[in-house]
N, C-alpha and C. Protein backbone atom coordinates (compact mmCIF):
# COMPACT_ATOMS: atom_id res chain seq x y z
N MET A 1 147.22 4.61 -65.95
CA MET A 1 145.97 5.43 -66.02
C MET A 1 145.07 4.47 -67.04
N VAL A 2 145.88 4.05 -68.19
CA VAL A 2 145.27 3.53 -69.05
C VAL A 2 145.16 2.02 -68.86
N ARG A 3 145.75 1.47 -67.86
CA ARG A 3 145.55 0.35 -67.36
C ARG A 3 144.32 0.10 -66.40
N ARG A 4 143.97 1.18 -65.46
CA ARG A 4 143.01 1.23 -64.76
C ARG A 4 141.56 1.52 -65.75
N ILE A 5 141.73 1.96 -66.75
CA ILE A 5 140.41 2.07 -67.47
C ILE A 5 140.18 0.71 -68.52
N LEU A 6 141.35 0.27 -68.79
CA LEU A 6 141.23 -1.10 -69.36
C LEU A 6 140.51 -2.01 -68.42
N GLN A 7 140.85 -2.26 -67.41
CA GLN A 7 140.45 -2.80 -66.17
C GLN A 7 139.17 -2.76 -65.62
N LYS A 8 138.76 -1.60 -65.92
CA LYS A 8 137.36 -0.96 -65.42
C LYS A 8 136.41 -1.51 -66.52
N ILE A 9 137.00 -1.50 -67.75
CA ILE A 9 136.11 -1.80 -69.14
C ILE A 9 135.86 -3.70 -68.83
N LEU A 10 137.21 -4.30 -68.49
CA LEU A 10 137.38 -5.53 -68.38
C LEU A 10 136.02 -6.28 -67.27
N ARG A 11 136.31 -5.59 -66.17
CA ARG A 11 135.76 -6.30 -65.38
C ARG A 11 133.81 -5.45 -65.71
N TYR A 12 133.65 -4.64 -66.43
CA TYR A 12 132.39 -4.36 -66.77
C TYR A 12 131.80 -5.51 -67.62
N PHE A 13 132.45 -5.79 -68.66
CA PHE A 13 132.28 -6.87 -69.70
C PHE A 13 132.15 -8.10 -69.10
N ALA A 14 132.84 -8.58 -68.33
CA ALA A 14 133.11 -9.78 -67.54
C ALA A 14 131.73 -9.84 -66.53
N PHE A 15 131.70 -8.95 -65.78
CA PHE A 15 130.14 -9.14 -64.89
C PHE A 15 129.28 -9.02 -65.39
N LYS A 16 128.85 -8.06 -66.50
CA LYS A 16 127.61 -7.51 -66.94
C LYS A 16 127.10 -8.19 -68.02
N LYS A 17 128.02 -9.04 -68.94
CA LYS A 17 127.74 -9.74 -70.27
C LYS A 17 128.74 -10.92 -70.41
N ARG A 18 129.30 -11.29 -69.38
CA ARG A 18 130.32 -12.71 -69.27
C ARG A 18 130.95 -12.59 -70.82
N LYS A 19 131.55 -11.55 -71.11
CA LYS A 19 132.64 -11.49 -72.42
C LYS A 19 134.24 -11.17 -71.76
N PHE A 20 134.86 -11.64 -72.35
CA PHE A 20 136.06 -11.35 -72.05
C PHE A 20 136.85 -11.95 -71.13
N VAL A 21 136.25 -13.04 -70.67
CA VAL A 21 136.73 -13.55 -68.98
C VAL A 21 137.82 -13.89 -69.05
N GLY A 22 138.74 -14.29 -70.37
CA GLY A 22 139.98 -14.47 -69.90
C GLY A 22 140.92 -13.36 -69.98
N LEU A 23 140.80 -12.56 -70.79
CA LEU A 23 141.51 -11.43 -70.46
C LEU A 23 141.01 -10.48 -69.12
N TYR A 24 139.89 -10.51 -68.74
CA TYR A 24 139.32 -10.26 -67.48
C TYR A 24 140.45 -10.62 -66.64
N ILE A 25 140.34 -11.83 -66.22
CA ILE A 25 141.30 -12.63 -65.39
C ILE A 25 142.77 -11.96 -65.37
N LYS A 26 143.21 -12.07 -66.71
CA LYS A 26 145.06 -12.06 -66.78
C LYS A 26 145.15 -10.35 -66.63
N PHE A 27 144.07 -9.13 -67.20
CA PHE A 27 144.69 -8.32 -66.79
C PHE A 27 144.21 -7.85 -65.48
N CYS A 28 143.03 -8.05 -64.79
CA CYS A 28 142.75 -7.67 -63.71
C CYS A 28 143.15 -8.51 -62.19
N GLN A 29 143.49 -9.68 -62.51
CA GLN A 29 144.14 -10.36 -61.52
C GLN A 29 142.98 -10.19 -60.44
N PRO A 30 141.90 -10.63 -60.46
CA PRO A 30 140.94 -10.44 -59.16
C PRO A 30 141.43 -10.66 -57.93
N GLY A 31 141.11 -10.25 -57.08
CA GLY A 31 141.18 -10.97 -55.44
C GLY A 31 139.83 -11.96 -55.21
N ASN A 32 140.32 -13.15 -54.33
CA ASN A 32 139.56 -13.98 -54.39
C ASN A 32 138.28 -13.64 -53.57
N ASP A 33 138.05 -12.23 -53.16
CA ASP A 33 136.47 -12.07 -52.98
C ASP A 33 135.63 -11.94 -54.24
N GLU A 34 136.38 -11.08 -55.23
CA GLU A 34 135.80 -10.30 -56.39
C GLU A 34 135.81 -11.56 -57.33
N TYR A 35 136.54 -12.65 -57.38
CA TYR A 35 136.49 -13.63 -58.02
C TYR A 35 135.41 -14.44 -57.51
N ALA A 36 135.21 -14.53 -56.45
CA ALA A 36 133.86 -15.58 -56.07
C ALA A 36 132.87 -14.76 -56.63
N ASP A 37 132.58 -13.56 -56.20
CA ASP A 37 131.30 -12.67 -56.88
C ASP A 37 131.15 -13.03 -58.12
N PHE A 38 132.54 -13.15 -59.02
CA PHE A 38 132.29 -13.19 -60.56
C PHE A 38 131.53 -14.99 -60.68
N LEU A 39 132.13 -15.66 -59.83
CA LEU A 39 131.77 -16.97 -59.97
C LEU A 39 130.12 -17.33 -59.48
N LYS A 40 129.96 -16.32 -58.47
CA LYS A 40 128.38 -16.46 -57.94
C LYS A 40 127.68 -16.20 -59.27
N LEU A 41 127.56 -15.15 -60.18
CA LEU A 41 126.90 -14.88 -61.10
C LEU A 41 127.31 -15.57 -62.33
N HIS A 42 128.41 -16.27 -62.59
CA HIS A 42 128.69 -16.78 -64.11
C HIS A 42 129.54 -17.97 -63.97
N GLY A 43 129.88 -18.45 -62.81
CA GLY A 43 130.33 -19.96 -62.71
C GLY A 43 129.48 -20.76 -62.59
N GLY A 44 128.48 -20.84 -63.19
CA GLY A 44 127.31 -22.26 -63.55
C GLY A 44 127.41 -23.14 -62.19
N LEU A 45 127.93 -22.90 -60.97
CA LEU A 45 127.69 -23.74 -59.66
C LEU A 45 126.31 -23.82 -59.31
N HIS A 46 126.29 -24.76 -58.55
CA HIS A 46 124.62 -25.66 -58.26
C HIS A 46 124.32 -24.52 -57.15
N PHE A 47 125.43 -24.13 -56.29
CA PHE A 47 124.58 -22.64 -55.23
C PHE A 47 126.22 -21.96 -54.63
N MET A 48 126.25 -20.79 -54.26
CA MET A 48 127.01 -20.41 -53.20
C MET A 48 126.51 -19.41 -52.75
N GLY A 49 127.28 -19.48 -51.14
CA GLY A 49 126.57 -18.80 -49.90
C GLY A 49 127.50 -17.49 -50.04
N LYS A 50 127.30 -16.68 -49.19
CA LYS A 50 127.94 -15.22 -48.88
C LYS A 50 129.27 -15.34 -48.36
N GLY A 51 129.80 -14.19 -48.53
CA GLY A 51 131.14 -14.11 -48.07
C GLY A 51 132.31 -15.05 -48.21
N CYS A 52 132.19 -15.64 -49.60
CA CYS A 52 133.14 -16.52 -50.25
C CYS A 52 134.43 -15.77 -50.78
N ARG A 53 135.46 -16.67 -50.54
CA ARG A 53 136.79 -16.33 -51.51
C ARG A 53 137.43 -17.35 -52.20
N ILE A 54 137.46 -17.24 -53.19
CA ILE A 54 137.83 -18.00 -54.26
C ILE A 54 138.99 -17.46 -55.22
N ASN A 55 140.38 -18.26 -55.02
CA ASN A 55 141.39 -17.63 -55.83
C ASN A 55 140.90 -17.89 -57.51
N TYR A 56 141.72 -17.09 -58.53
CA TYR A 56 141.21 -17.21 -59.83
C TYR A 56 141.95 -18.52 -60.59
N THR A 57 142.84 -19.23 -59.72
CA THR A 57 143.65 -19.72 -60.17
C THR A 57 143.14 -21.33 -59.97
N SER A 58 142.28 -21.25 -58.95
CA SER A 58 141.32 -22.47 -58.74
C SER A 58 140.91 -23.02 -59.83
N ASN A 59 140.39 -24.35 -59.81
CA ASN A 59 140.15 -25.21 -60.83
C ASN A 59 138.61 -25.69 -60.36
N ILE A 60 137.84 -25.61 -61.19
CA ILE A 60 136.35 -26.56 -60.41
C ILE A 60 135.60 -27.14 -62.01
N THR A 61 136.22 -28.37 -61.83
CA THR A 61 135.66 -28.67 -63.37
C THR A 61 134.26 -29.24 -63.58
N ASP A 62 133.64 -29.35 -62.77
CA ASP A 62 132.24 -29.82 -63.09
C ASP A 62 131.00 -28.77 -61.81
N PRO A 63 131.37 -27.58 -62.46
CA PRO A 63 130.66 -26.40 -61.51
C PRO A 63 129.16 -26.91 -61.09
N ALA A 64 128.46 -27.41 -62.06
CA ALA A 64 126.89 -27.78 -61.71
C ALA A 64 126.86 -28.75 -60.49
N TYR A 65 127.79 -29.58 -60.07
CA TYR A 65 127.75 -30.62 -59.23
C TYR A 65 128.27 -29.66 -58.09
N VAL A 66 128.98 -28.65 -57.94
CA VAL A 66 129.52 -28.06 -56.73
C VAL A 66 128.26 -27.16 -55.89
N SER A 67 128.06 -27.14 -54.75
CA SER A 67 127.61 -26.24 -53.78
C SER A 67 128.60 -25.81 -52.72
N ILE A 68 128.63 -24.54 -52.35
CA ILE A 68 129.67 -23.70 -51.55
C ILE A 68 128.69 -23.12 -50.74
N GLY A 69 128.88 -23.52 -49.26
CA GLY A 69 127.91 -22.67 -48.23
C GLY A 69 128.94 -21.39 -47.98
N ASN A 70 128.48 -20.63 -47.03
CA ASN A 70 128.99 -19.21 -46.75
C ASN A 70 130.33 -19.20 -46.19
N ASN A 71 131.05 -18.04 -46.15
CA ASN A 71 132.63 -18.16 -45.89
C ASN A 71 133.24 -18.94 -46.01
N VAL A 72 133.57 -19.47 -47.30
CA VAL A 72 134.29 -20.65 -47.79
C VAL A 72 135.23 -20.10 -48.30
N THR A 73 136.87 -20.58 -47.90
CA THR A 73 137.97 -19.88 -49.06
C THR A 73 138.33 -21.12 -49.77
N LEU A 74 138.95 -21.13 -51.11
CA LEU A 74 139.50 -21.87 -51.93
C LEU A 74 140.53 -21.39 -52.34
N SER A 75 141.33 -21.92 -51.92
CA SER A 75 142.98 -21.34 -52.31
C SER A 75 142.97 -21.96 -53.59
N ASP A 76 144.40 -22.26 -54.30
CA ASP A 76 144.87 -22.81 -55.47
C ASP A 76 144.37 -24.19 -55.62
N CYS A 77 143.29 -24.38 -55.06
CA CYS A 77 142.88 -25.76 -55.42
C CYS A 77 142.05 -26.34 -56.55
N HIS A 78 141.70 -27.63 -56.62
CA HIS A 78 140.98 -28.41 -57.56
C HIS A 78 139.81 -29.15 -57.06
N LEU A 79 138.66 -28.86 -57.44
CA LEU A 79 137.28 -29.72 -57.44
C LEU A 79 137.16 -30.08 -58.59
N ILE A 80 137.20 -31.68 -58.37
CA ILE A 80 136.74 -32.62 -59.66
C ILE A 80 135.78 -33.56 -59.37
N GLY A 81 134.85 -33.45 -60.29
CA GLY A 81 133.51 -33.87 -59.99
C GLY A 81 133.19 -35.16 -60.97
N HIS A 82 134.39 -35.43 -61.70
CA HIS A 82 134.21 -36.65 -62.66
C HIS A 82 135.29 -37.41 -62.50
N ASP A 83 135.35 -38.80 -63.08
CA ASP A 83 136.31 -39.38 -63.28
C ASP A 83 136.61 -39.72 -64.65
N GLY A 84 137.77 -39.13 -64.86
CA GLY A 84 138.08 -38.89 -66.43
C GLY A 84 138.50 -40.25 -66.79
N VAL A 85 138.75 -41.12 -66.31
CA VAL A 85 138.99 -42.46 -66.57
C VAL A 85 137.72 -43.28 -67.09
N VAL A 86 136.49 -42.81 -67.17
CA VAL A 86 135.44 -43.13 -68.02
C VAL A 86 135.42 -43.32 -69.35
N GLY A 87 135.99 -42.11 -70.32
CA GLY A 87 136.17 -42.14 -71.58
C GLY A 87 136.82 -43.10 -72.15
N MET A 88 137.86 -43.22 -71.26
CA MET A 88 138.91 -44.48 -72.08
C MET A 88 138.58 -45.88 -71.85
N LEU A 89 137.91 -46.01 -70.54
CA LEU A 89 137.48 -47.30 -70.43
C LEU A 89 136.18 -47.80 -71.08
N ASN A 90 135.17 -46.83 -71.57
CA ASN A 90 133.84 -46.83 -72.51
C ASN A 90 134.81 -47.35 -73.98
N VAL A 91 135.72 -46.84 -74.42
CA VAL A 91 135.91 -47.09 -75.72
C VAL A 91 136.78 -48.64 -75.70
N ALA A 92 137.73 -48.47 -74.60
CA ALA A 92 138.61 -50.12 -74.76
C ALA A 92 137.90 -51.31 -74.19
N TYR A 93 136.76 -51.26 -73.45
CA TYR A 93 136.21 -52.55 -72.98
C TYR A 93 134.56 -52.41 -73.69
N GLY A 94 134.40 -51.18 -74.67
CA GLY A 94 133.10 -51.30 -75.35
C GLY A 94 131.75 -50.74 -74.31
N MET A 95 132.08 -50.11 -73.09
CA MET A 95 130.73 -50.09 -72.31
C MET A 95 130.49 -48.60 -72.43
N LYS A 96 129.23 -48.25 -71.48
CA LYS A 96 129.01 -47.10 -71.17
C LYS A 96 128.82 -46.70 -69.81
N LEU A 97 129.93 -46.15 -69.41
CA LEU A 97 130.01 -46.03 -68.04
C LEU A 97 129.88 -44.54 -67.98
N ASP A 98 129.60 -44.45 -66.37
CA ASP A 98 129.55 -42.86 -65.80
C ASP A 98 129.98 -43.02 -64.93
N SER A 99 130.52 -41.82 -64.28
CA SER A 99 131.31 -41.62 -63.01
C SER A 99 131.30 -40.03 -62.48
N VAL A 100 130.23 -39.51 -62.20
CA VAL A 100 130.48 -38.14 -61.47
C VAL A 100 129.81 -38.04 -60.30
N GLY A 101 130.13 -37.17 -59.37
CA GLY A 101 129.61 -36.92 -58.35
C GLY A 101 129.48 -35.55 -57.78
N LYS A 102 128.72 -35.25 -56.81
CA LYS A 102 128.55 -33.67 -55.99
C LYS A 102 129.80 -33.55 -55.29
N ILE A 103 130.18 -32.06 -55.04
CA ILE A 103 131.02 -31.80 -53.87
C ILE A 103 130.23 -30.91 -53.22
N ASP A 104 129.86 -30.92 -52.51
CA ASP A 104 129.12 -30.47 -51.42
C ASP A 104 130.10 -29.64 -50.12
N ILE A 105 130.32 -28.07 -50.09
CA ILE A 105 130.91 -27.97 -49.19
C ILE A 105 130.41 -26.92 -48.25
N LYS A 106 130.20 -27.24 -47.11
CA LYS A 106 129.44 -26.83 -46.32
C LYS A 106 130.12 -24.96 -45.56
N ASP A 107 129.26 -24.62 -44.85
CA ASP A 107 129.70 -23.32 -44.49
C ASP A 107 131.29 -23.21 -43.57
N ASN A 108 131.98 -22.38 -43.60
CA ASN A 108 132.98 -21.96 -42.79
C ASN A 108 134.26 -23.26 -43.09
N VAL A 109 134.52 -23.37 -44.36
CA VAL A 109 135.70 -24.29 -44.86
C VAL A 109 136.51 -23.66 -45.44
N PHE A 110 137.80 -24.09 -45.48
CA PHE A 110 139.03 -23.57 -45.93
C PHE A 110 139.77 -24.61 -46.66
N ILE A 111 140.28 -24.60 -48.07
CA ILE A 111 140.68 -25.36 -48.74
C ILE A 111 142.07 -25.09 -49.27
N GLY A 112 143.22 -25.57 -48.67
CA GLY A 112 144.52 -24.83 -49.36
C GLY A 112 145.17 -25.53 -50.54
N HIS A 113 145.92 -24.58 -50.79
CA HIS A 113 146.77 -24.42 -51.89
C HIS A 113 147.06 -26.16 -52.35
N GLY A 114 146.94 -26.34 -53.51
CA GLY A 114 147.11 -27.57 -54.41
C GLY A 114 146.52 -28.82 -53.67
N ALA A 115 145.11 -28.74 -53.03
CA ALA A 115 144.38 -29.58 -52.63
C ALA A 115 143.43 -29.93 -53.84
N ILE A 116 143.13 -31.44 -53.68
CA ILE A 116 142.43 -31.93 -54.86
C ILE A 116 141.25 -32.83 -54.05
N VAL A 117 139.71 -32.23 -54.25
CA VAL A 117 138.67 -32.78 -53.82
C VAL A 117 137.92 -33.27 -55.07
N LEU A 118 137.54 -34.75 -54.65
CA LEU A 118 137.06 -35.48 -55.46
C LEU A 118 135.71 -35.39 -55.53
N GLY A 119 135.01 -36.07 -56.53
CA GLY A 119 133.33 -36.14 -56.62
C GLY A 119 133.20 -37.20 -55.31
N ASN A 120 131.76 -36.95 -55.07
CA ASN A 120 130.77 -37.75 -53.96
C ASN A 120 131.33 -37.18 -52.35
N VAL A 121 131.64 -36.08 -52.17
CA VAL A 121 132.44 -35.75 -51.27
C VAL A 121 131.59 -34.72 -50.42
N THR A 122 131.30 -34.59 -49.27
CA THR A 122 131.07 -33.62 -48.33
C THR A 122 132.02 -32.83 -47.48
N ILE A 123 132.18 -31.71 -47.53
CA ILE A 123 133.23 -31.21 -46.35
C ILE A 123 132.57 -30.31 -45.35
N GLY A 124 132.98 -30.79 -44.30
CA GLY A 124 132.28 -29.52 -43.17
C GLY A 124 131.18 -29.64 -42.47
N PRO A 125 130.53 -28.60 -42.17
CA PRO A 125 130.96 -27.08 -41.84
C PRO A 125 132.08 -27.17 -41.00
N ASN A 126 132.68 -26.05 -40.82
CA ASN A 126 133.95 -25.62 -39.84
C ASN A 126 135.07 -26.78 -39.82
N ALA A 127 135.30 -26.81 -40.99
CA ALA A 127 136.57 -27.83 -41.73
C ALA A 127 137.59 -26.98 -42.32
N ILE A 128 138.99 -27.60 -42.49
CA ILE A 128 139.96 -27.15 -42.93
C ILE A 128 140.74 -28.39 -43.90
N VAL A 129 140.89 -27.84 -45.08
CA VAL A 129 141.53 -29.38 -46.00
C VAL A 129 143.28 -28.60 -46.30
N ALA A 130 143.84 -29.34 -45.85
CA ALA A 130 145.50 -28.91 -45.93
C ALA A 130 145.92 -29.11 -47.08
N ALA A 131 147.11 -27.85 -47.53
CA ALA A 131 147.76 -27.63 -48.60
C ALA A 131 148.10 -28.97 -49.02
N GLY A 132 147.92 -29.66 -50.59
CA GLY A 132 148.38 -31.03 -50.90
C GLY A 132 147.27 -31.70 -50.69
N ALA A 133 146.64 -31.92 -49.97
CA ALA A 133 145.45 -32.89 -49.50
C ALA A 133 144.90 -33.66 -50.92
N VAL A 134 144.54 -34.87 -50.55
CA VAL A 134 143.73 -35.51 -51.69
C VAL A 134 142.36 -35.97 -51.15
N VAL A 135 141.48 -35.54 -51.02
CA VAL A 135 140.23 -35.59 -49.90
C VAL A 135 139.24 -36.75 -51.25
N ASN A 136 139.36 -37.88 -50.71
CA ASN A 136 138.29 -38.86 -51.62
C ASN A 136 136.96 -39.33 -50.41
N LYS A 137 136.99 -38.49 -49.51
CA LYS A 137 135.98 -39.43 -48.70
C LYS A 137 135.43 -37.92 -47.94
N ASP A 138 134.14 -38.01 -47.32
CA ASP A 138 133.56 -37.09 -46.49
C ASP A 138 134.36 -36.53 -45.39
N VAL A 139 134.44 -35.28 -45.40
CA VAL A 139 135.17 -34.48 -43.93
C VAL A 139 134.58 -34.19 -43.01
N ALA A 140 134.76 -34.74 -41.70
CA ALA A 140 133.67 -34.39 -40.88
C ALA A 140 133.45 -32.90 -40.57
N PRO A 141 132.10 -32.34 -40.01
CA PRO A 141 132.32 -30.98 -39.60
C PRO A 141 133.61 -31.09 -38.30
N GLY A 142 134.21 -29.84 -38.32
CA GLY A 142 135.17 -29.39 -37.27
C GLY A 142 136.45 -30.28 -37.30
N ASP A 143 136.55 -30.74 -38.48
CA ASP A 143 137.93 -31.88 -38.76
C ASP A 143 138.79 -31.09 -39.47
N ILE A 144 139.98 -30.99 -39.56
CA ILE A 144 141.30 -30.65 -40.08
C ILE A 144 142.04 -32.07 -40.73
N VAL A 145 141.93 -32.06 -42.20
CA VAL A 145 142.35 -33.23 -42.77
C VAL A 145 143.68 -32.84 -43.63
N GLY A 146 144.52 -33.64 -43.62
CA GLY A 146 145.79 -33.81 -44.76
C GLY A 146 146.39 -34.84 -45.49
N GLY A 147 146.83 -35.21 -45.99
CA GLY A 147 148.03 -36.00 -46.78
C GLY A 147 147.21 -36.42 -48.06
N VAL A 148 147.67 -37.80 -48.58
CA VAL A 148 146.98 -38.53 -49.58
C VAL A 148 147.07 -39.88 -49.32
N PRO A 149 145.58 -40.32 -49.17
CA PRO A 149 144.42 -39.81 -48.89
C PRO A 149 144.27 -38.72 -47.75
N ALA A 150 143.43 -38.10 -47.61
CA ALA A 150 143.23 -37.06 -46.85
C ALA A 150 142.82 -37.70 -45.48
N LYS A 151 143.18 -37.43 -44.16
CA LYS A 151 142.87 -38.25 -42.93
C LYS A 151 142.88 -37.03 -42.02
N PRO A 152 142.02 -37.29 -40.90
CA PRO A 152 141.94 -36.16 -39.81
C PRO A 152 143.23 -36.33 -39.22
N ILE A 153 143.52 -34.79 -38.84
CA ILE A 153 144.90 -34.39 -38.54
C ILE A 153 144.89 -33.23 -37.31
N GLY A 154 143.55 -32.98 -37.03
CA GLY A 154 143.46 -32.09 -36.03
C GLY A 154 141.94 -31.48 -35.80
N ARG A 155 141.69 -30.53 -35.09
CA ARG A 155 140.14 -29.90 -34.97
C ARG A 155 140.21 -28.59 -35.23
N THR A 156 139.31 -27.91 -36.12
CA THR A 156 139.44 -26.76 -36.21
C THR A 156 139.28 -25.36 -34.95
N GLU A 157 138.50 -26.03 -33.93
CA GLU A 157 138.59 -25.36 -33.05
C GLU A 157 139.66 -25.10 -32.16
N ASP A 158 140.22 -26.44 -32.22
CA ASP A 158 141.63 -26.16 -31.46
C ASP A 158 142.86 -25.22 -31.96
N LEU A 159 142.54 -25.55 -33.37
CA LEU A 159 143.54 -24.61 -34.32
C LEU A 159 142.92 -23.41 -34.13
N ALA A 160 142.12 -22.68 -33.81
CA ALA A 160 141.62 -21.42 -33.86
C ALA A 160 141.99 -21.05 -32.46
N LEU A 161 141.66 -21.89 -31.25
CA LEU A 161 142.22 -21.39 -29.89
C LEU A 161 143.58 -21.25 -29.79
N ARG A 162 144.48 -21.93 -30.63
CA ARG A 162 145.93 -21.74 -30.30
C ARG A 162 146.25 -20.63 -31.34
N LEU A 163 145.83 -20.56 -32.25
CA LEU A 163 146.18 -19.39 -32.85
C LEU A 163 146.05 -17.85 -32.06
N LYS A 164 144.70 -18.09 -31.63
CA LYS A 164 144.36 -17.15 -30.80
C LYS A 164 145.60 -16.52 -29.81
N ALA A 165 146.05 -17.76 -28.92
CA ALA A 165 147.21 -17.49 -27.95
C ALA A 165 148.02 -16.75 -28.68
N ASN A 166 148.55 -17.56 -29.74
CA ASN A 166 149.84 -17.13 -30.80
C ASN A 166 149.71 -15.68 -30.86
N THR A 167 148.78 -15.59 -31.10
CA THR A 167 148.65 -14.04 -32.02
C THR A 167 148.58 -12.73 -30.56
N ALA A 168 148.14 -13.34 -29.85
CA ALA A 168 148.16 -12.45 -28.71
C ALA A 168 149.74 -12.43 -27.96
N GLN A 169 150.36 -12.95 -28.21
CA GLN A 169 151.89 -12.84 -28.02
C GLN A 169 152.67 -12.05 -29.24
N LEU A 170 152.16 -11.57 -30.26
CA LEU A 170 152.64 -10.88 -31.22
C LEU A 170 153.16 -9.53 -30.97
N PRO A 171 154.32 -9.14 -31.66
CA PRO A 171 154.76 -7.97 -31.23
C PRO A 171 153.39 -6.82 -31.96
N TRP A 172 152.94 -7.25 -32.94
CA TRP A 172 151.83 -6.16 -33.53
C TRP A 172 150.56 -6.48 -33.43
N ALA A 173 150.09 -7.57 -32.45
CA ALA A 173 148.94 -7.85 -31.78
C ALA A 173 147.87 -6.86 -31.78
N HIS A 174 148.36 -5.44 -31.43
CA HIS A 174 147.58 -4.45 -31.18
C HIS A 174 147.08 -3.99 -32.62
N LEU A 175 147.71 -4.22 -33.88
CA LEU A 175 147.37 -4.26 -35.42
C LEU A 175 146.51 -4.84 -35.42
N ILE A 176 146.58 -6.01 -35.13
CA ILE A 176 145.46 -7.14 -35.28
C ILE A 176 144.28 -6.80 -34.74
N ALA A 177 144.21 -6.21 -33.55
CA ALA A 177 142.87 -6.37 -32.92
C ALA A 177 142.26 -4.85 -33.56
N GLN A 178 143.02 -4.25 -34.41
CA GLN A 178 142.42 -3.09 -35.18
C GLN A 178 141.96 -3.24 -36.42
N ARG A 179 142.13 -4.20 -36.82
CA ARG A 179 141.57 -4.81 -38.25
C ARG A 179 140.24 -4.66 -38.32
N GLU A 180 139.53 -4.34 -39.73
CA GLU A 180 138.38 -4.32 -40.09
C GLU A 180 138.18 -5.34 -41.04
N GLY A 181 137.52 -6.67 -40.58
CA GLY A 181 137.40 -7.77 -41.36
C GLY A 181 138.77 -8.70 -41.53
N ALA A 182 139.25 -9.48 -42.89
CA ALA A 182 140.16 -10.22 -42.84
C ALA A 182 141.34 -9.51 -43.44
N PHE A 183 141.18 -8.28 -44.45
CA PHE A 183 142.23 -7.48 -44.91
C PHE A 183 141.40 -6.34 -44.69
N ASP A 184 142.50 -4.90 -44.18
CA ASP A 184 142.52 -3.91 -43.67
C ASP A 184 143.35 -3.16 -44.63
N ALA A 185 143.43 -2.70 -45.84
CA ALA A 185 144.39 -1.82 -46.48
C ALA A 185 144.56 -0.66 -45.58
N GLU A 186 144.08 -0.17 -44.85
CA GLU A 186 144.89 0.73 -44.40
C GLU A 186 145.97 0.58 -43.08
N LEU A 187 145.66 -0.61 -42.62
CA LEU A 187 146.68 -0.97 -41.57
C LEU A 187 147.91 -2.22 -41.95
N GLU A 188 147.38 -2.43 -43.87
CA GLU A 188 148.34 -3.59 -44.08
C GLU A 188 150.17 -3.10 -44.00
N PRO A 189 150.18 -1.73 -44.85
CA PRO A 189 151.51 -1.35 -44.72
C PRO A 189 151.97 -1.40 -43.34
N ALA A 190 151.66 -0.69 -42.12
CA ALA A 190 152.12 -0.96 -40.75
C ALA A 190 152.53 -2.43 -40.39
N LEU A 191 151.38 -3.51 -40.71
CA LEU A 191 151.32 -5.03 -40.37
C LEU A 191 152.99 -5.24 -40.89
N LEU A 192 153.13 -4.90 -42.42
CA LEU A 192 153.99 -5.50 -43.07
C LEU A 192 155.28 -5.08 -42.40
N LYS A 193 155.28 -3.95 -42.27
CA LYS A 193 156.50 -3.52 -41.50
C LYS A 193 157.03 -3.86 -40.20
N ALA A 194 156.14 -3.62 -39.42
CA ALA A 194 156.52 -4.60 -38.00
C ALA A 194 156.62 -6.01 -38.02
N ARG A 195 156.03 -6.85 -39.07
CA ARG A 195 156.40 -8.27 -39.37
C ARG A 195 157.76 -8.51 -39.70
N VAL A 196 158.19 -7.60 -40.75
CA VAL A 196 159.57 -7.43 -41.27
C VAL A 196 160.74 -7.17 -40.32
N ALA A 197 160.34 -6.38 -39.55
CA ALA A 197 161.16 -5.67 -38.36
C ALA A 197 161.43 -7.07 -37.62
N TYR A 198 160.58 -7.80 -37.13
CA TYR A 198 160.17 -8.68 -36.41
C TYR A 198 161.37 -9.94 -36.97
N PHE A 199 161.16 -10.35 -38.25
CA PHE A 199 161.71 -11.39 -38.94
C PHE A 199 162.86 -11.47 -39.00
N TYR A 200 163.41 -10.05 -39.78
CA TYR A 200 164.83 -9.83 -40.02
C TYR A 200 165.06 -8.54 -39.09
N PRO A 201 165.43 -8.37 -37.80
CA PRO A 201 166.13 -7.57 -36.98
C PRO A 201 167.29 -7.34 -37.30
N ASP A 202 167.42 -5.89 -37.51
CA ASP A 202 168.89 -5.26 -37.61
C ASP A 202 170.37 -5.82 -36.71
């Protein structure tokens, strides 16, 4: 009871006043849709569209140079809009250098766990960045990229069709068909039970 009250207070101050943000993240551990809403209000992004999901453990180093379209998911990834070597080079060589770039994420993009997106990159629309990929150049619309550096490894539409066929064969396909949105709290216990029973039959 006390924890819920504390979480409610921290959410209020984080969203309304932009105060106690670290405590809000630590104690509330917001879901990716809630954290995206917070970043839309207070993250300093150039732009964020609708229906986004951003894990609170994602790292956006230069939010002013980042534009995020509609229906974008950022897993625990890193968006790095500057080249940190500039500071060292300026001192070492007596120069005055600058190296920053925009990161423009179009509609319907998923960026996987541990992926790194560097500056001067446009992604999508309808693109997927695989877990652990390092993206140092544009990702074409509809491409799936992976690797270091990231290269095309497939097409988003092909993946969607393959997953549709696979989903139809699952013992819990009828539950997936009943889902309201990406996550349905009422169906999740039944889905969990069906999956565990399938993965670990007695």
